[in-house]
């Protein structure tokens, strides 16, 4: 199991390894008379059934058939979890109600703009997954809009959680990040597609408490061999090497708020893979 560093918050995790299933087949010989063996009649099977039985030697179904042939039929492995520390918005970050380990921001006027990095971390050993890492990302948000002014205003909460993946495989100057046009330098940025945007009109003197708690689950994958090759232009060999070496994932949170008087923001991340 990989070690987890959550900025002072100890969180355990586990990984379950399941045995692979074995499919066998058999055939019978029908005997009509003593000494006379009759060959069994051939049984019609579809191409997909033949591939599943390994009879065609084509490596299983295609992307066109199942969407992600690399991970098709593989056992799911639990790869760990991380819980972030709190990101806080407060009029006074020295107040006793603000935890000393929190990443605290005081509004300037009615605006806050932040990019808090390394809020949580998961360190995966080599070969933790074969071709896919999936996520369940849970946000636990409590925030309060307030308009102490004499004219209406618009409250806003805009949050973007994201990750940095670190791998020694990417520390190769010949590997170029197509997003930046520069060498990866040992790391790449990954998105959860879990941006949270909330906006509300506030009349003078209005105050509104909001709580949001939901989970964004994996679809195409947080990291996949297919995305590494098609999205980042890595060769099959390099993409495979990323999964065969240790990986460190660092969780970050960027955000902008307007007319948010106070907030406490947490995220939890659970990983699975093949």
Foldseek 3Di string as FASTA:
>chain_A
DWAKDQQPDDDDDDKDDDDADDDDDDDDWDDDDVPDTDDDDDDDDDPQVCVVVVNVVPQHDDCVVVVDSQCPPDDKIWFTKKKFAKAKEACDCVDPVHDPSYNYDYDDQQKDWDKFWQRIKTKGAFLQFQFAKKKKKKKKKKFKFWAQDQAKDKKKKKKFKWKKKFDPLQCDQVQAFPVVRGRCNRIDIFGLPDIDMDMDIDHHGDMDIDIDIDIRIGDPHRGGLVCCCVVRVDDSVSSRVRRRHMMMMGMMMTIMIGRTNMMIMMMMMIMMHD
